[in-house]
């Protein structure tokens, strides 16, 4: 029995993508690549950057859904997690 995950080539893991993007930046900043190779690396870097940004946005949405849970958001205005009725008074530490 085979499982069908996705017809498209799977995207590299986030960490692998970040490592590759850092390498591309180093190569471009080094200034030793010929123009055509520089353009090719730049195009690859732009695509990687967009893919990594999308991955981060999706992770953020997943976290927001988990935090909200079935009863709505459990966050305060500054985005930190809190329990209902657990807001510190002025000058009081939040923990």
N, C-alpha and C. Protein backbone atom coordinates (compact mmCIF):
# COMPACT_ATOMS: atom_id res chain seq x y z
N UNK A 1 0.85 -1.18 0.00
CA UNK A 1 0.00 0.00 0.00
C UNK A 1 0.89 1.24 0.00
N UNK A 2 0.65 2.16 -0.91
CA UNK A 2 1.44 3.38 -0.97
C UNK A 2 0.60 4.56 -0.55
N UNK A 3 1.27 5.53 0.03
CA UNK A 3 0.55 6.75 0.42
C UNK A 3 0.96 7.88 -0.50
N UNK A 4 -0.01 8.66 -0.92
CA UNK A 4 0.24 9.77 -1.82
C UNK A 4 0.22 11.06 -1.01
N UNK A 5 1.42 11.64 -0.80
CA UNK A 5 1.52 12.85 0.00
C UNK A 5 1.31 14.09 -0.86
N UNK A 6 2.12 14.21 -1.93
CA UNK A 6 2.07 15.40 -2.75
C UNK A 6 2.70 15.08 -4.10
N UNK A 7 2.09 15.56 -5.17
CA UNK A 7 2.64 15.31 -6.49
C UNK A 7 3.86 16.18 -6.76
N UNK A 8 3.94 17.35 -6.15
CA UNK A 8 5.06 18.26 -6.36
C UNK A 8 6.27 17.78 -5.57
N UNK A 9 7.43 18.23 -6.01
CA UNK A 9 8.65 17.92 -5.28
C UNK A 9 8.56 18.57 -3.91
N UNK A 10 8.84 17.82 -2.84
CA UNK A 10 8.71 18.41 -1.51
C UNK A 10 9.72 19.53 -1.30
N UNK A 11 9.29 20.57 -0.61
CA UNK A 11 10.16 21.69 -0.30
C UNK A 11 11.20 21.24 0.73
N UNK A 12 12.40 21.81 0.67
CA UNK A 12 13.40 21.43 1.66
C UNK A 12 12.96 21.89 3.05
N UNK A 13 13.47 21.19 4.03
CA UNK A 13 13.15 21.60 5.40
C UNK A 13 13.59 23.04 5.60
N UNK A 14 12.95 23.71 6.52
CA UNK A 14 13.22 25.13 6.76
C UNK A 14 14.70 25.38 7.04
N UNK A 15 15.28 24.59 7.91
CA UNK A 15 16.67 24.78 8.30
C UNK A 15 17.61 24.60 7.11
N UNK A 16 17.32 23.62 6.27
CA UNK A 16 18.14 23.40 5.08
C UNK A 16 18.03 24.60 4.14
N UNK A 17 16.83 25.13 4.00
CA UNK A 17 16.63 26.31 3.16
C UNK A 17 17.38 27.51 3.68
N UNK A 18 17.35 27.70 5.00
CA UNK A 18 18.07 28.83 5.60
C UNK A 18 19.58 28.69 5.38
N UNK A 19 20.08 27.47 5.54
CA UNK A 19 21.51 27.23 5.34
C UNK A 19 21.89 27.54 3.90
N UNK A 20 21.08 27.10 2.95
CA UNK A 20 21.36 27.37 1.54
C UNK A 20 21.29 28.87 1.25
N UNK A 21 20.30 29.55 1.81
CA UNK A 21 20.17 30.99 1.59
C UNK A 21 21.39 31.74 2.15
N UNK A 22 21.85 31.34 3.32
CA UNK A 22 23.05 31.97 3.89
C UNK A 22 24.26 31.76 2.99
N UNK A 23 24.39 30.56 2.43
CA UNK A 23 25.50 30.26 1.52
C UNK A 23 25.42 31.14 0.27
N UNK A 24 24.22 31.30 -0.27
CA UNK A 24 24.04 32.15 -1.45
C UNK A 24 24.45 33.58 -1.14
N UNK A 25 24.03 34.07 0.01
CA UNK A 25 24.38 35.45 0.40
C UNK A 25 25.89 35.60 0.50
N UNK A 26 26.55 34.63 1.13
CA UNK A 26 28.01 34.67 1.24
C UNK A 26 28.66 34.70 -0.15
N UNK A 27 28.17 33.86 -1.05
CA UNK A 27 28.74 33.81 -2.41
C UNK A 27 28.56 35.14 -3.13
N UNK A 28 27.37 35.73 -3.00
CA UNK A 28 27.11 37.00 -3.67
C UNK A 28 27.92 38.13 -3.06
N UNK A 29 28.02 38.13 -1.73
CA UNK A 29 28.80 39.17 -1.07
C UNK A 29 30.29 39.05 -1.36
N UNK A 30 30.74 37.81 -1.64
CA UNK A 30 32.15 37.59 -1.96
C UNK A 30 32.58 38.28 -3.24
N UNK A 31 31.64 38.48 -4.16
CA UNK A 31 31.93 39.20 -5.38
C UNK A 31 32.82 38.47 -6.36
N UNK A 32 32.99 37.17 -6.20
CA UNK A 32 33.90 36.43 -7.08
C UNK A 32 33.18 35.65 -8.17
N UNK A 33 31.85 35.64 -8.14
CA UNK A 33 31.10 34.90 -9.15
C UNK A 33 30.96 35.72 -10.43
N UNK A 34 31.01 35.04 -11.58
CA UNK A 34 30.71 35.75 -12.83
C UNK A 34 29.26 36.26 -12.81
N UNK A 35 28.98 37.22 -13.64
CA UNK A 35 27.67 37.86 -13.65
C UNK A 35 26.53 36.86 -13.80
N UNK A 36 26.62 35.95 -14.76
CA UNK A 36 25.53 34.99 -14.98
C UNK A 36 25.31 34.10 -13.76
N UNK A 37 26.39 33.64 -13.14
CA UNK A 37 26.25 32.83 -11.93
C UNK A 37 25.65 33.65 -10.80
N UNK A 38 26.05 34.91 -10.70
CA UNK A 38 25.49 35.79 -9.67
C UNK A 38 23.99 35.94 -9.86
N UNK A 39 23.56 36.13 -11.09
CA UNK A 39 22.13 36.27 -11.37
C UNK A 39 21.38 34.97 -11.05
N UNK A 40 21.98 33.84 -11.38
CA UNK A 40 21.36 32.55 -11.09
C UNK A 40 21.21 32.38 -9.58
N UNK A 41 22.28 32.69 -8.83
CA UNK A 41 22.23 32.57 -7.37
C UNK A 41 21.20 33.54 -6.78
N UNK A 42 21.17 34.76 -7.32
CA UNK A 42 20.22 35.75 -6.84
C UNK A 42 18.79 35.26 -7.03
N UNK A 43 18.49 34.72 -8.21
CA UNK A 43 17.15 34.18 -8.47
C UNK A 43 16.82 33.05 -7.51
N UNK A 44 17.78 32.16 -7.28
CA UNK A 44 17.56 31.07 -6.34
C UNK A 44 17.31 31.61 -4.93
N UNK A 45 18.07 32.63 -4.55
CA UNK A 45 17.92 33.23 -3.23
C UNK A 45 16.56 33.89 -3.04
N UNK A 46 16.09 34.57 -4.08
CA UNK A 46 14.77 35.21 -4.00
C UNK A 46 13.68 34.16 -3.83
N UNK A 47 13.77 33.08 -4.61
CA UNK A 47 12.77 32.01 -4.49
C UNK A 47 12.82 31.37 -3.10
N UNK A 48 14.03 31.08 -2.63
CA UNK A 48 14.18 30.50 -1.29
C UNK A 48 13.61 31.43 -0.23
N UNK A 49 13.91 32.71 -0.35
CA UNK A 49 13.43 33.69 0.62
C UNK A 49 11.90 33.71 0.67
N UNK A 50 11.27 33.68 -0.50
CA UNK A 50 9.81 33.67 -0.55
C UNK A 50 9.25 32.38 0.06
N UNK A 51 9.87 31.25 -0.26
CA UNK A 51 9.42 29.97 0.29
C UNK A 51 9.58 29.94 1.81
N UNK A 52 10.71 30.43 2.30
CA UNK A 52 10.96 30.44 3.74
C UNK A 52 9.99 31.38 4.46
N UNK A 53 9.72 32.52 3.85
CA UNK A 53 8.75 33.46 4.43
C UNK A 53 7.38 32.83 4.51
N UNK A 54 6.98 32.13 3.46
CA UNK A 54 5.69 31.46 3.44
C UNK A 54 5.64 30.38 4.55
N UNK A 55 6.72 29.64 4.70
CA UNK A 55 6.77 28.62 5.74
C UNK A 55 6.62 29.24 7.12
N UNK A 56 7.31 30.36 7.36
CA UNK A 56 7.19 31.04 8.65
C UNK A 56 5.78 31.57 8.88
N UNK A 57 5.16 32.12 7.84
CA UNK A 57 3.80 32.62 7.97
C UNK A 57 2.83 31.50 8.29
N UNK A 58 3.01 30.34 7.64
CA UNK A 58 2.15 29.20 7.92
C UNK A 58 2.34 28.71 9.36
N UNK A 59 3.58 28.69 9.82
CA UNK A 59 3.86 28.28 11.20
C UNK A 59 3.21 29.25 12.18
N UNK A 60 3.29 30.53 11.88
CA UNK A 60 2.68 31.54 12.74
C UNK A 60 1.16 31.34 12.81
N UNK A 61 0.54 31.06 11.67
CA UNK A 61 -0.91 30.83 11.66
C UNK A 61 -1.27 29.59 12.47
N UNK A 62 -0.46 28.54 12.35
CA UNK A 62 -0.71 27.33 13.15
C UNK A 62 -0.62 27.62 14.63
N UNK A 63 0.38 28.40 15.01
CA UNK A 63 0.54 28.75 16.43
C UNK A 63 -0.64 29.59 16.90
N UNK A 64 -1.07 30.54 16.07
CA UNK A 64 -2.22 31.37 16.44
C UNK A 64 -3.47 30.51 16.64
N UNK A 65 -3.68 29.53 15.76
CA UNK A 65 -4.85 28.65 15.91
C UNK A 65 -4.74 27.83 17.19
N UNK A 66 -3.56 27.36 17.50
CA UNK A 66 -3.37 26.58 18.73
C UNK A 66 -3.61 27.42 19.97
N UNK A 67 -3.13 28.66 19.94
CA UNK A 67 -3.29 29.55 21.09
C UNK A 67 -4.75 29.94 21.27
N UNK A 68 -5.43 30.19 20.15
CA UNK A 68 -6.83 30.60 20.24
C UNK A 68 -7.70 29.48 20.79
N UNK A 69 -7.46 28.29 20.36
CA UNK A 69 -8.25 27.16 20.84
C UNK A 69 -9.72 27.35 20.59
N UNK A 70 -10.56 26.50 21.16
CA UNK A 70 -11.99 26.56 20.89
C UNK A 70 -12.70 27.74 21.55
N UNK A 71 -12.12 28.33 22.61
CA UNK A 71 -12.81 29.40 23.33
C UNK A 71 -12.34 30.79 22.95
N UNK A 72 -11.54 30.91 21.89
CA UNK A 72 -11.10 32.23 21.46
C UNK A 72 -9.69 32.52 21.91
N UNK A 73 -9.19 33.72 21.58
CA UNK A 73 -7.81 34.06 21.88
C UNK A 73 -7.53 34.14 23.37
N UNK A 74 -6.35 33.66 23.74
CA UNK A 74 -5.88 33.75 25.12
C UNK A 74 -4.64 34.63 25.17
N UNK A 75 -4.67 35.75 24.45
CA UNK A 75 -3.52 36.63 24.42
C UNK A 75 -3.91 38.01 24.89
N UNK A 76 -2.91 38.75 25.35
CA UNK A 76 -3.14 40.15 25.72
C UNK A 76 -2.68 41.02 24.56
N UNK A 77 -2.88 42.32 24.64
CA UNK A 77 -2.62 43.22 23.53
C UNK A 77 -1.19 43.14 23.00
N UNK A 78 -0.21 42.86 23.86
CA UNK A 78 1.17 42.83 23.38
C UNK A 78 1.55 41.48 22.76
N UNK A 79 0.59 40.55 22.69
CA UNK A 79 0.84 39.28 22.03
C UNK A 79 1.37 38.19 22.94
N UNK A 80 1.55 38.47 24.22
CA UNK A 80 2.04 37.44 25.12
C UNK A 80 0.88 36.61 25.62
N UNK A 81 1.17 35.36 25.94
CA UNK A 81 0.13 34.46 26.43
C UNK A 81 -0.26 34.84 27.84
N UNK A 82 -1.54 34.68 28.15
CA UNK A 82 -2.00 34.94 29.51
C UNK A 82 -3.21 34.07 29.79
N UNK A 83 -3.47 33.87 31.04
CA UNK A 83 -4.68 33.18 31.47
C UNK A 83 -5.77 34.23 31.66
N UNK A 84 -7.04 33.86 31.45
CA UNK A 84 -8.11 34.83 31.67
C UNK A 84 -8.05 35.37 33.10
N UNK A 85 -8.14 36.69 33.25
CA UNK A 85 -8.10 37.34 34.56
C UNK A 85 -6.71 37.37 35.16
N UNK A 86 -5.69 37.11 34.36
CA UNK A 86 -4.33 37.03 34.87
C UNK A 86 -3.48 38.19 34.35
N UNK A 87 -4.02 39.39 34.35
CA UNK A 87 -3.29 40.55 33.86
C UNK A 87 -2.64 41.26 35.04
N UNK A 88 -1.31 41.47 35.00
CA UNK A 88 -0.62 42.10 36.11
C UNK A 88 -1.01 43.58 36.27
N UNK A 89 -0.96 44.05 37.49
CA UNK A 89 -1.19 45.47 37.76
C UNK A 89 0.01 46.26 37.30
N UNK A 90 -0.15 47.57 37.18
CA UNK A 90 0.95 48.41 36.74
C UNK A 90 2.13 48.26 37.71
N UNK A 91 3.32 48.08 37.16
CA UNK A 91 4.51 47.93 37.96
C UNK A 91 4.74 46.52 38.47
N UNK A 92 3.79 45.63 38.24
CA UNK A 92 3.89 44.25 38.71
C UNK A 92 4.44 43.39 37.58
N UNK A 93 5.34 42.44 37.90
CA UNK A 93 5.88 41.56 36.89
C UNK A 93 4.82 40.56 36.44
N UNK A 94 4.83 40.18 35.16
CA UNK A 94 3.78 39.29 34.64
C UNK A 94 3.98 37.82 34.97
N UNK A 95 4.92 37.45 35.84
CA UNK A 95 5.11 36.05 36.19
C UNK A 95 5.22 35.85 37.66
